[in-house]
Amino acid sequence: MKIIHIGQAASSEEKADRFYIGILGLEKSEPKTLDRKLVKAIFGIDNELLMIHYRGQTIHYEIFVYQGYKAQDKKIEHSCIKVNDLEKIVIKCRDAGLKVTEVPKGSVVVTFISDFDGNLFEVKE
């Protein structure tokens, strides 16, 4: 089994770009609009949605732009990503005003970050 992509939501293309390009350094594909009937059938949302792919060498996020989207405050669901320079990502996140949670767990520190819409990511080096 292999993960093909991870689907997430964002409230705007600008916020998605700031996080997936600006923080994670992924490449953006040309956005596509999904028609209202398809979105309603799949997600139960009666709107068109903008879909954007952000890719890296071994990771692929499929982001659906849904105006007004905000992740739940008490979020458990998350993606876990491995990065080359954890400290650099943490600094970028803090500089951008993003929430960074670092929790000691034995001899290591577990790091979680939230994007501009509250989606949660565990980050490891």
PDB file of N, CA and C in Angstrom:
ATOM      1  N   MET A   1       0.837  -1.172   0.000  1.00  0.00           N
ATOM      2  CA  MET A   1       0.000   0.000   0.000  1.00  0.00           C
ATOM      3  C   MET A   1       0.885   1.239   0.000  1.00  0.00           C
ATOM      4  N   LYS A   2       0.402   2.279  -0.659  1.00  0.00           N
ATOM      5  CA  LYS A   2       1.144   3.526  -0.760  1.00  0.00           C
ATOM      6  C   LYS A   2       0.156   4.686  -0.727  1.00  0.00           C
ATOM      7  N   ILE A   3       0.479   5.737   0.008  1.00  0.00           N
ATOM      8  CA  ILE A   3      -0.365   6.935   0.008  1.00  0.00           C
ATOM      9  C   ILE A   3      -0.144   7.663  -1.311  1.00  0.00           C
ATOM     10  N   ILE A   4      -1.231   7.988  -1.995  1.00  0.00           N
ATOM     11  CA  ILE A   4      -1.163   8.716  -3.265  1.00  0.00           C
ATOM     12  C   ILE A   4      -1.133  10.224  -3.014  1.00  0.00           C
ATOM     13  N   HIS A   5      -2.025  10.701  -2.178  1.00  0.00           N
ATOM     14  CA  HIS A   5      -2.026  12.111  -1.775  1.00  0.00           C
ATOM     15  C   HIS A   5      -2.781  12.252  -0.465  1.00  0.00           C
ATOM     16  N   ILE A   6      -2.631  13.412   0.140  1.00  0.00           N
ATOM     17  CA  ILE A   6      -3.355  13.743   1.367  1.00  0.00           C
ATOM     18  C   ILE A   6      -4.237  14.938   1.044  1.00  0.00           C
ATOM     19  N   GLY A   7      -5.518  14.803   1.294  1.00  0.00           N
ATOM     20  CA  GLY A   7      -6.457  15.886   1.028  1.00  0.00           C
ATOM     21  C   GLY A   7      -6.645  16.749   2.268  1.00  0.00           C
ATOM     22  N   GLN A   8      -6.606  18.046   2.075  1.00  0.00           N
ATOM     23  CA  GLN A   8      -6.822  19.019   3.152  1.00  0.00           C
ATOM     24  C   GLN A   8      -7.686  20.145   2.596  1.00  0.00           C
ATOM     25  N   ALA A   9      -8.147  20.991   3.475  1.00  0.00           N
ATOM     26  CA  ALA A   9      -8.905  22.171   3.061  1.00  0.00           C
ATOM     27  C   ALA A   9      -8.166  23.425   3.486  1.00  0.00           C
ATOM     28  N   ALA A  10      -8.439  24.498   2.787  1.00  0.00           N
ATOM     29  CA  ALA A  10      -7.908  25.825   3.112  1.00  0.00           C
ATOM     30  C   ALA A  10      -9.004  26.840   2.834  1.00  0.00           C
ATOM     31  N   SER A  11      -8.983  27.940   3.553  1.00  0.00           N
ATOM     32  CA  SER A  11     -10.014  28.961   3.348  1.00  0.00           C
ATOM     33  C   SER A  11      -9.705  29.891   2.178  1.00  0.00           C
ATOM     34  N   SER A  12      -8.443  29.887   1.706  1.00  0.00           N
ATOM     35  CA  SER A  12      -8.095  30.717   0.550  1.00  0.00           C
ATOM     36  C   SER A  12      -6.853  30.155  -0.137  1.00  0.00           C
ATOM     37  N   GLU A  13      -6.733  30.459  -1.414  1.00  0.00           N
ATOM     38  CA  GLU A  13      -5.552  30.050  -2.172  1.00  0.00           C
ATOM     39  C   GLU A  13      -4.304  30.724  -1.603  1.00  0.00           C
ATOM     40  N   GLU A  14      -4.451  31.968  -1.171  1.00  0.00           N
ATOM     41  CA  GLU A  14      -3.318  32.712  -0.620  1.00  0.00           C
ATOM     42  C   GLU A  14      -2.775  32.034   0.644  1.00  0.00           C
ATOM     43  N   LYS A  15      -3.663  31.613   1.541  1.00  0.00           N
ATOM     44  CA  LYS A  15      -3.219  30.923   2.755  1.00  0.00           C
ATOM     45  C   LYS A  15      -2.565  29.586   2.419  1.00  0.00           C
ATOM     46  N   ALA A  16      -3.139  28.877   1.465  1.00  0.00           N
ATOM     47  CA  ALA A  16      -2.554  27.596   1.050  1.00  0.00           C
ATOM     48  C   ALA A  16      -1.162  27.820   0.472  1.00  0.00           C
ATOM     49  N   ASP A  17      -1.009  28.806  -0.400  1.00  0.00           N
ATOM     50  CA  ASP A  17       0.302  29.111  -0.992  1.00  0.00           C
ATOM     51  C   ASP A  17       1.315  29.488   0.088  1.00  0.00           C
ATOM     52  N   ARG A  18       0.896  30.325   1.035  1.00  0.00           N
ATOM     53  CA  ARG A  18       1.814  30.755   2.099  1.00  0.00           C
ATOM     54  C   ARG A  18       2.345  29.574   2.897  1.00  0.00           C
ATOM     55  N   PHE A  19       1.495  28.562   3.126  1.00  0.00           N
ATOM     56  CA  PHE A  19       1.930  27.420   3.914  1.00  0.00           C
ATOM     57  C   PHE A  19       2.660  26.375   3.060  1.00  0.00           C
ATOM     58  N   TYR A  20       2.019  25.884   2.023  1.00  0.00           N
ATOM     59  CA  TYR A  20       2.586  24.759   1.267  1.00  0.00           C
ATOM     60  C   TYR A  20       3.793  25.156   0.411  1.00  0.00           C
ATOM     61  N   ILE A  21       3.819  26.390  -0.079  1.00  0.00           N
ATOM     62  CA  ILE A  21       4.989  26.874  -0.832  1.00  0.00           C
ATOM     63  C   ILE A  21       5.957  27.578   0.114  1.00  0.00           C
ATOM     64  N   GLY A  22       5.445  28.579   0.861  1.00  0.00           N
ATOM     65  CA  GLY A  22       6.304  29.420   1.696  1.00  0.00           C
ATOM     66  C   GLY A  22       6.939  28.708   2.870  1.00  0.00           C
ATOM     67  N   ILE A  23       6.198  27.828   3.535  1.00  0.00           N
ATOM     68  CA  ILE A  23       6.725  27.130   4.707  1.00  0.00           C
ATOM     69  C   ILE A  23       7.332  25.785   4.316  1.00  0.00           C
ATOM     70  N   LEU A  24       6.572  24.972   3.585  1.00  0.00           N
ATOM     71  CA  LEU A  24       7.042  23.612   3.262  1.00  0.00           C
ATOM     72  C   LEU A  24       7.898  23.531   2.003  1.00  0.00           C
ATOM     73  N   GLY A  25       7.849  24.552   1.150  1.00  0.00           N
ATOM     74  CA  GLY A  25       8.683  24.560  -0.054  1.00  0.00           C
ATOM     75  C   GLY A  25       8.209  23.624  -1.150  1.00  0.00           C
ATOM     76  N   LEU A  26       6.900  23.346  -1.209  1.00  0.00           N
ATOM     77  CA  LEU A  26       6.362  22.455  -2.227  1.00  0.00           C
ATOM     78  C   LEU A  26       6.066  23.222  -3.515  1.00  0.00           C
ATOM     79  N   GLU A  27       5.925  22.481  -4.611  1.00  0.00           N
ATOM     80  CA  GLU A  27       5.594  23.087  -5.902  1.00  0.00           C
ATOM     81  C   GLU A  27       4.093  23.016  -6.135  1.00  0.00           C
ATOM     82  N   LYS A  28       3.551  24.085  -6.704  1.00  0.00           N
ATOM     83  CA  LYS A  28       2.108  24.219  -6.915  1.00  0.00           C
ATOM     84  C   LYS A  28       1.762  23.905  -8.365  1.00  0.00           C
ATOM     85  N   SER A  29       0.676  23.146  -8.546  1.00  0.00           N
ATOM     86  CA  SER A  29       0.157  22.926  -9.893  1.00  0.00           C
ATOM     87  C   SER A  29      -0.907  23.976 -10.197  1.00  0.00           C
ATOM     88  N   GLU A  30      -1.321  24.029 -11.435  1.00  0.00           N
ATOM     89  CA  GLU A  30      -2.368  24.965 -11.849  1.00  0.00           C
ATOM     90  C   GLU A  30      -3.677  24.590 -11.147  1.00  0.00           C
ATOM     91  N   PRO A  31      -4.313  25.540 -10.454  1.00  0.00           N
ATOM     92  CA  PRO A  31      -5.585  25.234  -9.789  1.00  0.00           C
ATOM     93  C   PRO A  31      -6.672  24.829 -10.786  1.00  0.00           C
ATOM     94  N   LYS A  32      -7.564  23.939 -10.343  1.00  0.00           N
ATOM     95  CA  LYS A  32      -8.702  23.507 -11.154  1.00  0.00           C
ATOM     96  C   LYS A  32      -9.962  23.703 -10.337  1.00  0.00           C
ATOM     97  N   THR A  33     -11.065  23.986 -11.018  1.00  0.00           N
ATOM     98  CA  THR A  33     -12.343  24.132 -10.342  1.00  0.00           C
ATOM     99  C   THR A  33     -13.141  22.853 -10.487  1.00  0.00           C
ATOM    100  N   LEU A  34     -13.584  22.317  -9.348  1.00  0.00           N
ATOM    101  CA  LEU A  34     -14.459  21.149  -9.350  1.00  0.00           C
ATOM    102  C   LEU A  34     -15.893  21.641  -9.389  1.00  0.00           C
ATOM    103  N   ASP A  35     -16.714  21.061 -10.271  1.00  0.00           N
ATOM    104  CA  ASP A  35     -18.081  21.554 -10.407  1.00  0.00           C
ATOM    105  C   ASP A  35     -18.932  21.191  -9.191  1.00  0.00           C
ATOM    106  N   ARG A  36     -19.972  21.989  -9.030  1.00  0.00           N
ATOM    107  CA  ARG A  36     -20.859  21.912  -7.866  1.00  0.00           C
ATOM    108  C   ARG A  36     -21.455  20.510  -7.675  1.00  0.00           C
ATOM    109  N   LYS A  37     -21.880  19.846  -8.751  1.00  0.00           N
ATOM    110  CA  LYS A  37     -22.500  18.523  -8.624  1.00  0.00           C
ATOM    111  C   LYS A  37     -21.519  17.492  -8.076  1.00  0.00           C
ATOM    112  N   LEU A  38     -20.291  17.531  -8.553  1.00  0.00           N
ATOM    113  CA  LEU A  38     -19.269  16.591  -8.078  1.00  0.00           C
ATOM    114  C   LEU A  38     -18.939  16.851  -6.610  1.00  0.00           C
ATOM    115  N   VAL A  39     -18.770  18.116  -6.262  1.00  0.00           N
ATOM    116  CA  VAL A  39     -18.452  18.489  -4.875  1.00  0.00           C
ATOM    117  C   VAL A  39     -19.584  18.065  -3.944  1.00  0.00           C
ATOM    118  N   LYS A  40     -20.815  18.280  -4.369  1.00  0.00           N
ATOM    119  CA  LYS A  40     -21.987  17.901  -3.565  1.00  0.00           C
ATOM    120  C   LYS A  40     -22.016  16.378  -3.366  1.00  0.00           C
ATOM    121  N   ALA A  41     -21.744  15.632  -4.434  1.00  0.00           N
ATOM    122  CA  ALA A  41     -21.781  14.167  -4.356  1.00  0.00           C
ATOM    123  C   ALA A  41     -20.676  13.615  -3.455  1.00  0.00           C
ATOM    124  N   ILE A  42     -19.499  14.187  -3.521  1.00  0.00           N
ATOM    125  CA  ILE A  42     -18.357  13.675  -2.748  1.00  0.00           C
ATOM    126  C   ILE A  42     -18.355  14.196  -1.314  1.00  0.00           C
ATOM    127  N   PHE A  43     -18.478  15.517  -1.144  1.00  0.00           N
ATOM    128  CA  PHE A  43     -18.273  16.155   0.154  1.00  0.00           C
ATOM    129  C   PHE A  43     -19.550  16.683   0.819  1.00  0.00           C
ATOM    130  N   GLY A  44     -20.662  16.676   0.093  1.00  0.00           N
ATOM    131  CA  GLY A  44     -21.905  17.200   0.652  1.00  0.00           C
ATOM    132  C   GLY A  44     -21.934  18.708   0.753  1.00  0.00           C
ATOM    133  N   ILE A  45     -21.087  19.382  -0.021  1.00  0.00           N
ATOM    134  CA  ILE A  45     -21.011  20.843  -0.031  1.00  0.00           C
ATOM    135  C   ILE A  45     -21.609  21.327  -1.353  1.00  0.00           C
ATOM    136  N   ASP A  46     -22.570  22.231  -1.285  1.00  0.00           N
ATOM    137  CA  ASP A  46     -23.278  22.694  -2.474  1.00  0.00           C
ATOM    138  C   ASP A  46     -22.603  23.934  -3.070  1.00  0.00           C
ATOM    139  N   ASN A  47     -21.330  23.784  -3.450  1.00  0.00           N
ATOM    140  CA  ASN A  47     -20.531  24.864  -4.039  1.00  0.00           C
ATOM    141  C   ASN A  47     -19.501  24.268  -4.980  1.00  0.00           C
ATOM    142  N   GLU A  48     -19.012  25.079  -5.909  1.00  0.00           N
ATOM    143  CA  GLU A  48     -17.795  24.714  -6.628  1.00  0.00           C
ATOM    144  C   GLU A  48     -16.633  24.841  -5.648  1.00  0.00           C
ATOM    145  N   LEU A  49     -15.580  24.060  -5.845  1.00  0.00           N
ATOM    146  CA  LEU A  49     -14.375  24.202  -5.028  1.00  0.00           C
ATOM    147  C   LEU A  49     -13.161  24.299  -5.938  1.00  0.00           C
ATOM    148  N   LEU A  50     -12.217  25.128  -5.538  1.00  0.00           N
ATOM    149  CA  LEU A  50     -10.934  25.204  -6.205  1.00  0.00           C
ATOM    150  C   LEU A  50     -10.063  24.087  -5.639  1.00  0.00           C
ATOM    151  N   MET A  51      -9.410  23.315  -6.506  1.00  0.00           N
ATOM    152  CA  MET A  51      -8.527  22.234  -6.079  1.00  0.00           C
ATOM    153  C   MET A  51      -7.114  22.550  -6.552  1.00  0.00           C
ATOM    154  N   ILE A  52      -6.162  22.484  -5.612  1.00  0.00           N
ATOM    155  CA  ILE A  52      -4.766  22.794  -5.923  1.00  0.00           C
ATOM    156  C   ILE A  52      -3.898  21.645  -5.423  1.00  0.00           C
ATOM    157  N   HIS A  53      -2.944  21.233  -6.250  1.00  0.00           N
ATOM    158  CA  HIS A  53      -1.989  20.205  -5.850  1.00  0.00           C
ATOM    159  C   HIS A  53      -0.666  20.875  -5.497  1.00  0.00           C
ATOM    160  N   TYR A  54      -0.102  20.455  -4.364  1.00  0.00           N
ATOM    161  CA  TYR A  54       1.225  20.901  -3.926  1.00  0.00           C
ATOM    162  C   TYR A  54       2.064  19.635  -3.768  1.00  0.00           C
ATOM    163  N   ARG A  55       3.209  19.614  -4.461  1.00  0.00           N
ATOM    164  CA  ARG A  55       4.016  18.398  -4.467  1.00  0.00           C
ATOM    165  C   ARG A  55       5.466  18.676  -4.098  1.00  0.00           C
ATOM    166  N   GLY A  56       6.049  17.675  -3.459  1.00  0.00           N
ATOM    167  CA  GLY A  56       7.471  17.618  -3.210  1.00  0.00           C
ATOM    168  C   GLY A  56       7.966  16.300  -3.768  1.00  0.00           C
ATOM    169  N   GLN A  57       9.205  15.983  -3.516  1.00  0.00           N
ATOM    170  CA  GLN A  57       9.789  14.763  -4.060  1.00  0.00           C
ATOM    171  C   GLN A  57       9.013  13.512  -3.649  1.00  0.00           C
ATOM    172  N   THR A  58       8.586  13.441  -2.394  1.00  0.00           N
ATOM    173  CA  THR A  58       7.903  12.243  -1.910  1.00  0.00           C
ATOM    174  C   THR A  58       6.574  12.545  -1.225  1.00  0.00           C
ATOM    175  N   ILE A  59       6.019  13.733  -1.455  1.00  0.00           N
ATOM    176  CA  ILE A  59       4.772  14.109  -0.786  1.00  0.00           C
ATOM    177  C   ILE A  59       3.868  14.846  -1.758  1.00  0.00           C
ATOM    178  N   HIS A  60       2.564  14.671  -1.564  1.00  0.00           N
ATOM    179  CA  HIS A  60       1.590  15.283  -2.465  1.00  0.00           C
ATOM    180  C   HIS A  60       0.345  15.646  -1.651  1.00  0.00           C
ATOM    181  N   TYR A  61       0.058  16.934  -1.554  1.00  0.00           N
ATOM    182  CA  TYR A  61      -1.149  17.413  -0.895  1.00  0.00           C
ATOM    183  C   TYR A  61      -2.130  17.898  -1.950  1.00  0.00           C
ATOM    184  N   GLU A  62      -3.400  17.522  -1.780  1.00  0.00           N
ATOM    185  CA  GLU A  62      -4.488  17.982  -2.634  1.00  0.00           C
ATOM    186  C   GLU A  62      -5.342  18.891  -1.758  1.00  0.00           C
ATOM    187  N   ILE A  63      -5.317  20.178  -2.054  1.00  0.00           N
ATOM    188  CA  ILE A  63      -5.970  21.171  -1.205  1.00  0.00           C
ATOM    189  C   ILE A  63      -7.240  21.684  -1.879  1.00  0.00           C
ATOM    190  N   PHE A  64      -8.322  21.661  -1.111  1.00  0.00           N
ATOM    191  CA  PHE A  64      -9.605  22.164  -1.582  1.00  0.00           C
ATOM    192  C   PHE A  64      -9.857  23.503  -0.914  1.00  0.00           C
ATOM    193  N   VAL A  65      -9.988  24.543  -1.720  1.00  0.00           N
ATOM    194  CA  VAL A  65     -10.211  25.886  -1.185  1.00  0.00           C
ATOM    195  C   VAL A  65     -11.712  26.063  -0.974  1.00  0.00           C
ATOM    196  N   TYR A  66     -12.068  26.213   0.294  1.00  0.00           N
ATOM    197  CA  TYR A  66     -13.461  26.328   0.712  1.00  0.00           C
ATOM    198  C   TYR A  66     -13.575  27.571   1.583  1.00  0.00           C
ATOM    199  N   GLN A  67     -14.110  28.647   1.009  1.00  0.00           N
ATOM    200  CA  GLN A  67     -14.187  29.928   1.704  1.00  0.00           C
ATOM    201  C   GLN A  67     -14.880  29.747   3.058  1.00  0.00           C
ATOM    202  N   GLY A  68     -14.277  30.254   4.083  1.00  0.00           N
ATOM    203  CA  GLY A  68     -14.836  30.141   5.422  1.00  0.00           C
ATOM    204  C   GLY A  68     -14.384  28.897   6.169  1.00  0.00           C
ATOM    205  N   TYR A  69     -13.548  28.054   5.539  1.00  0.00           N
ATOM    206  CA  TYR A  69     -13.072  26.839   6.209  1.00  0.00           C
ATOM    207  C   TYR A  69     -12.196  27.191   7.398  1.00  0.00           C
ATOM    208  N   LYS A  70     -12.369  26.479   8.483  1.00  0.00           N
ATOM    209  CA  LYS A  70     -11.518  26.590   9.670  1.00  0.00           C
ATOM    210  C   LYS A  70     -11.525  25.226  10.341  1.00  0.00           C
ATOM    211  N   ALA A  71     -10.341  24.675  10.583  1.00  0.00           N
ATOM    212  CA  ALA A  71     -10.233  23.383  11.256  1.00  0.00           C
ATOM    213  C   ALA A  71     -10.771  23.501  12.683  1.00  0.00           C
ATOM    214  N   GLN A  72     -11.205  22.394  13.229  1.00  0.00           N
ATOM    215  CA  GLN A  72     -11.705  22.365  14.601  1.00  0.00           C
ATOM    216  C   GLN A  72     -10.595  22.768  15.574  1.00  0.00           C
ATOM    217  N   ASP A  73     -10.992  23.371  16.685  1.00  0.00           N
ATOM    218  CA  ASP A  73     -10.019  23.765  17.706  1.00  0.00           C
ATOM    219  C   ASP A  73      -9.336  22.563  18.343  1.00  0.00           C
ATOM    220  N   LYS A  74     -10.080  21.534  18.646  1.00  0.00           N
ATOM    221  CA  LYS A  74      -9.543  20.321  19.271  1.00  0.00           C
ATOM    222  C   LYS A  74      -9.335  19.279  18.183  1.00  0.00           C
ATOM    223  N   LYS A  75      -8.249  19.404  17.461  1.00  0.00           N
ATOM    224  CA  LYS A  75      -7.992  18.557  16.299  1.00  0.00           C
ATOM    225  C   LYS A  75      -7.021  17.441  16.660  1.00  0.00           C
ATOM    226  N   ILE A  76      -7.363  16.220  16.270  1.00  0.00           N
ATOM    227  CA  ILE A  76      -6.496  15.067  16.465  1.00  0.00           C
ATOM    228  C   ILE A  76      -5.915  14.622  15.121  1.00  0.00           C
ATOM    229  N   GLU A  77      -6.728  14.683  14.071  1.00  0.00           N
ATOM    230  CA  GLU A  77      -6.268  14.257  12.745  1.00  0.00           C
ATOM    231  C   GLU A  77      -5.105  15.123  12.309  1.00  0.00           C
ATOM    232  N   HIS A  78      -4.091  14.486  11.742  1.00  0.00           N
ATOM    233  CA  HIS A  78      -2.918  15.230  11.290  1.00  0.00           C
ATOM    234  C   HIS A  78      -2.146  14.418  10.254  1.00  0.00           C
ATOM    235  N   SER A  79      -1.281  15.100   9.541  1.00  0.00           N
ATOM    236  CA  SER A  79      -0.298  14.477   8.662  1.00  0.00           C
ATOM    237  C   SER A  79       1.027  14.518   9.386  1.00  0.00           C
ATOM    238  N   CYS A  80       1.831  13.507   9.212  1.00  0.00           N
ATOM    239  CA  CYS A  80       3.183  13.518   9.782  1.00  0.00           C
ATOM    240  C   CYS A  80       4.151  13.597   8.614  1.00  0.00           C
ATOM    241  N   ILE A  81       4.989  14.614   8.616  1.00  0.00           N
ATOM    242  CA  ILE A  81       5.931  14.804   7.514  1.00  0.00           C
ATOM    243  C   ILE A  81       7.361  14.832   8.035  1.00  0.00           C
ATOM    244  N   LYS A  82       8.260  14.340   7.211  1.00  0.00           N
ATOM    245  CA  LYS A  82       9.684  14.356   7.540  1.00  0.00           C
ATOM    246  C   LYS A  82      10.333  15.464   6.730  1.00  0.00           C
ATOM    247  N   VAL A  83      11.110  16.309   7.402  1.00  0.00           N
ATOM    248  CA  VAL A  83      11.775  17.434   6.741  1.00  0.00           C
ATOM    249  C   VAL A  83      13.281  17.328   6.949  1.00  0.00           C
ATOM    250  N   ASN A  84      14.030  18.036   6.117  1.00  0.00           N
ATOM    251  CA  ASN A  84      15.495  18.017   6.229  1.00  0.00           C
ATOM    252  C   ASN A  84      16.013  18.884   7.364  1.00  0.00           C
ATOM    253  N   ASP A  85      15.320  19.983   7.658  1.00  0.00           N
ATOM    254  CA  ASP A  85      15.792  20.919   8.676  1.00  0.00           C
ATOM    255  C   ASP A  85      14.613  21.363   9.539  1.00  0.00           C
ATOM    256  N   LEU A  86      14.349  20.610  10.592  1.00  0.00           N
ATOM    257  CA  LEU A  86      13.207  20.884  11.467  1.00  0.00           C
ATOM    258  C   LEU A  86      13.288  22.275  12.086  1.00  0.00           C
ATOM    259  N   GLU A  87      14.460  22.664  12.545  1.00  0.00           N
ATOM    260  CA  GLU A  87      14.619  23.977  13.182  1.00  0.00           C
ATOM    261  C   GLU A  87      14.235  25.100  12.216  1.00  0.00           C
ATOM    262  N   LYS A  88      14.633  24.968  10.961  1.00  0.00           N
ATOM    263  CA  LYS A  88      14.308  25.985   9.952  1.00  0.00           C
ATOM    264  C   LYS A  88      12.792  26.093   9.747  1.00  0.00           C
ATOM    265  N   ILE A  89      12.106  24.943   9.681  1.00  0.00           N
ATOM    266  CA  ILE A  89      10.647  24.945   9.510  1.00  0.00           C
ATOM    267  C   ILE A  89       9.977  25.581  10.726  1.00  0.00           C
ATOM    268  N   VAL A  90      10.433  25.230  11.921  1.00  0.00           N
ATOM    269  CA  VAL A  90       9.858  25.792  13.150  1.00  0.00           C
ATOM    270  C   VAL A  90      10.034  27.309  13.171  1.00  0.00           C
ATOM    271  N   ILE A  91      11.203  27.787  12.802  1.00  0.00           N
ATOM    272  CA  ILE A  91      11.455  29.237  12.764  1.00  0.00           C
ATOM    273  C   ILE A  91      10.545  29.908  11.744  1.00  0.00           C
ATOM    274  N   LYS A  92      10.425  29.321  10.538  1.00  0.00           N
ATOM    275  CA  LYS A  92       9.538  29.883   9.512  1.00  0.00           C
ATOM    276  C   LYS A  92       8.100  29.967  10.028  1.00  0.00           C
ATOM    277  N   CYS A  93       7.654  28.911  10.699  1.00  0.00           N
ATOM    278  CA  CYS A  93       6.293  28.891  11.225  1.00  0.00           C
ATOM    279  C   CYS A  93       6.093  29.975  12.273  1.00  0.00           C
ATOM    280  N   ARG A  94       7.012  30.062  13.200  1.00  0.00           N
ATOM    281  CA  ARG A  94       6.891  31.095  14.253  1.00  0.00           C
ATOM    282  C   ARG A  94       6.931  32.498  13.652  1.00  0.00           C
ATOM    283  N   ASP A  95       7.837  32.717  12.694  1.00  0.00           N
ATOM    284  CA  ASP A  95       7.933  34.027  12.040  1.00  0.00           C
ATOM    285  C   ASP A  95       6.644  34.391  11.310  1.00  0.00           C
ATOM    286  N   ALA A  96       5.930  33.369  10.812  1.00  0.00           N
ATOM    287  CA  ALA A  96       4.676  33.591  10.098  1.00  0.00           C
ATOM    288  C   ALA A  96       3.483  33.681  11.047  1.00  0.00           C
ATOM    289  N   GLY A  97       3.735  33.523  12.343  1.00  0.00           N
ATOM    290  CA  GLY A  97       2.660  33.602  13.324  1.00  0.00           C
ATOM    291  C   GLY A  97       1.863  32.318  13.484  1.00  0.00           C
ATOM    292  N   LEU A  98       2.413  31.207  13.015  1.00  0.00           N
ATOM    293  CA  LEU A  98       1.724  29.926  13.125  1.00  0.00           C
ATOM    294  C   LEU A  98       1.967  29.292  14.489  1.00  0.00           C
ATOM    295  N   LYS A  99       1.021  28.488  14.915  1.00  0.00           N
ATOM    296  CA  LYS A  99       1.139  27.790  16.191  1.00  0.00           C
ATOM    297  C   LYS A  99       2.128  26.634  16.062  1.00  0.00           C
ATOM    298  N   VAL A 100       3.104  26.586  16.958  1.00  0.00           N
ATOM    299  CA  VAL A 100       4.084  25.506  17.035  1.00  0.00           C
ATOM    300  C   VAL A 100       3.987  24.928  18.438  1.00  0.00           C
ATOM    301  N   THR A 101       3.808  23.612  18.518  1.00  0.00           N
ATOM    302  CA  THR A 101       3.735  22.928  19.806  1.00  0.00           C
ATOM    303  C   THR A 101       4.881  21.928  19.878  1.00  0.00           C
ATOM    304  N   GLU A 102       5.733  22.100  20.870  1.00  0.00           N
ATOM    305  CA  GLU A 102       6.860  21.185  21.074  1.00  0.00           C
ATOM    306  C   GLU A 102       6.707  20.560  22.453  1.00  0.00           C
ATOM    307  N   VAL A 103       6.616  19.224  22.481  1.00  0.00           N
ATOM    308  CA  VAL A 103       6.364  18.512  23.723  1.00  0.00           C
ATOM    309  C   VAL A 103       7.453  17.472  23.949  1.00  0.00           C
ATOM    310  N   PRO A 104       8.157  17.541  25.106  1.00  0.00           N
ATOM    311  CA  PRO A 104       9.155  16.515  25.404  1.00  0.00           C
ATOM    312  C   PRO A 104       8.488  15.149  25.564  1.00  0.00           C
ATOM    313  N   LYS A 105       9.102  14.148  24.948  1.00  0.00           N
ATOM    314  CA  LYS A 105       8.619  12.765  25.057  1.00  0.00           C
ATOM    315  C   LYS A 105       9.849  11.878  25.202  1.00  0.00           C
ATOM    316  N   GLY A 106      10.187  11.581  26.443  1.00  0.00           N
ATOM    317  CA  GLY A 106      11.414  10.834  26.703  1.00  0.00           C
ATOM    318  C   GLY A 106      12.619  11.667  26.302  1.00  0.00           C
ATOM    319  N   SER A 107      13.466  11.099  25.449  1.00  0.00           N
ATOM    320  CA  SER A 107      14.689  11.798  25.034  1.00  0.00           C
ATOM    321  C   SER A 107      14.502  12.648  23.777  1.00  0.00           C
ATOM    322  N   VAL A 108      13.270  12.708  23.239  1.00  0.00           N
ATOM    323  CA  VAL A 108      13.015  13.494  22.027  1.00  0.00           C
ATOM    324  C   VAL A 108      11.946  14.551  22.302  1.00  0.00           C
ATOM    325  N   VAL A 109      11.791  15.440  21.362  1.00  0.00           N
ATOM    326  CA  VAL A 109      10.734  16.447  21.422  1.00  0.00           C
ATOM    327  C   VAL A 109       9.804  16.206  20.238  1.00  0.00           C
ATOM    328  N   VAL A 110       8.520  16.077  20.521  1.00  0.00           N
ATOM    329  CA  VAL A 110       7.514  15.900  19.474  1.00  0.00           C
ATOM    330  C   VAL A 110       7.062  17.291  19.041  1.00  0.00           C
ATOM    331  N   THR A 111       7.080  17.544  17.719  1.00  0.00           N
ATOM    332  CA  THR A 111       6.754  18.870  17.186  1.00  0.00           C
ATOM    333  C   THR A 111       5.510  18.799  16.310  1.00  0.00           C
ATOM    334  N   PHE A 112       4.544  19.657  16.624  1.00  0.00           N
ATOM    335  CA  PHE A 112       3.340  19.806  15.812  1.00  0.00           C
ATOM    336  C   PHE A 112       3.228  21.267  15.390  1.00  0.00           C
ATOM    337  N   ILE A 113       2.796  21.486  14.152  1.00  0.00           N
ATOM    338  CA  ILE A 113       2.529  22.836  13.662  1.00  0.00           C
ATOM    339  C   ILE A 113       1.120  22.880  13.090  1.00  0.00           C
ATOM    340  N   SER A 114       0.538  24.054  13.097  1.00  0.00           N
ATOM    341  CA  SER A 114      -0.765  24.268  12.469  1.00  0.00           C
ATOM    342  C   SER A 114      -0.576  25.220  11.304  1.00  0.00           C
ATOM    343  N   ASP A 115      -1.301  24.975  10.217  1.00  0.00           N
ATOM    344  CA  ASP A 115      -1.218  25.899   9.082  1.00  0.00           C
ATOM    345  C   ASP A 115      -2.111  27.114   9.347  1.00  0.00           C
ATOM    346  N   PHE A 116      -2.316  27.960   8.348  1.00  0.00           N
ATOM    347  CA  PHE A 116      -3.056  29.208   8.534  1.00  0.00           C
ATOM    348  C   PHE A 116      -4.551  28.997   8.761  1.00  0.00           C
ATOM    349  N   ASP A 117      -5.027  27.754   8.527  1.00  0.00           N
ATOM    350  CA  ASP A 117      -6.436  27.438   8.755  1.00  0.00           C
ATOM    351  C   ASP A 117      -6.630  26.462   9.918  1.00  0.00           C
ATOM    352  N   GLY A 118      -5.559  26.130  10.633  1.00  0.00           N
ATOM    353  CA  GLY A 118      -5.664  25.252  11.787  1.00  0.00           C
ATOM    354  C   GLY A 118      -5.457  23.777  11.508  1.00  0.00           C
ATOM    355  N   ASN A 119      -5.130  23.392  10.258  1.00  0.00           N
ATOM    356  CA  ASN A 119      -4.824  21.991   9.967  1.00  0.00           C
ATOM    357  C   ASN A 119      -3.537  21.626  10.701  1.00  0.00           C
ATOM    358  N   LEU A 120      -3.473  20.420  11.217  1.00  0.00           N
ATOM    359  CA  LEU A 120      -2.384  19.998  12.092  1.00  0.00           C
ATOM    360  C   LEU A 120      -1.396  19.088  11.364  1.00  0.00           C
ATOM    361  N   PHE A 121      -0.102  19.324  11.617  1.00  0.00           N
ATOM    362  CA  PHE A 121       0.987  18.565  11.007  1.00  0.00           C
ATOM    363  C   PHE A 121       1.999  18.202  12.085  1.00  0.00           C
ATOM    364  N   GLU A 122       2.360  16.928  12.160  1.00  0.00           N
ATOM    365  CA  GLU A 122       3.473  16.509  12.997  1.00  0.00           C
ATOM    366  C   GLU A 122       4.705  16.592  12.101  1.00  0.00           C
ATOM    367  N   VAL A 123       5.778  17.168  12.627  1.00  0.00           N
ATOM    368  CA  VAL A 123       6.973  17.374  11.810  1.00  0.00           C
ATOM    369  C   VAL A 123       8.166  16.706  12.482  1.00  0.00           C
ATOM    370  N   LYS A 124       8.868  15.880  11.698  1.00  0.00           N
ATOM    371  CA  LYS A 124      10.051  15.173  12.201  1.00  0.00           C
ATOM    372  C   LYS A 124      11.216  15.436  11.265  1.00  0.00           C
ATOM    373  N   GLU A 125      12.421  15.246  11.806  1.00  0.00           N
ATOM    374  CA  GLU A 125      13.616  15.409  10.988  1.00  0.00           C
ATOM    375  C   GLU A 125      14.218  14.046  10.703  1.00  0.00           C
TER     376      GLU A 125
END
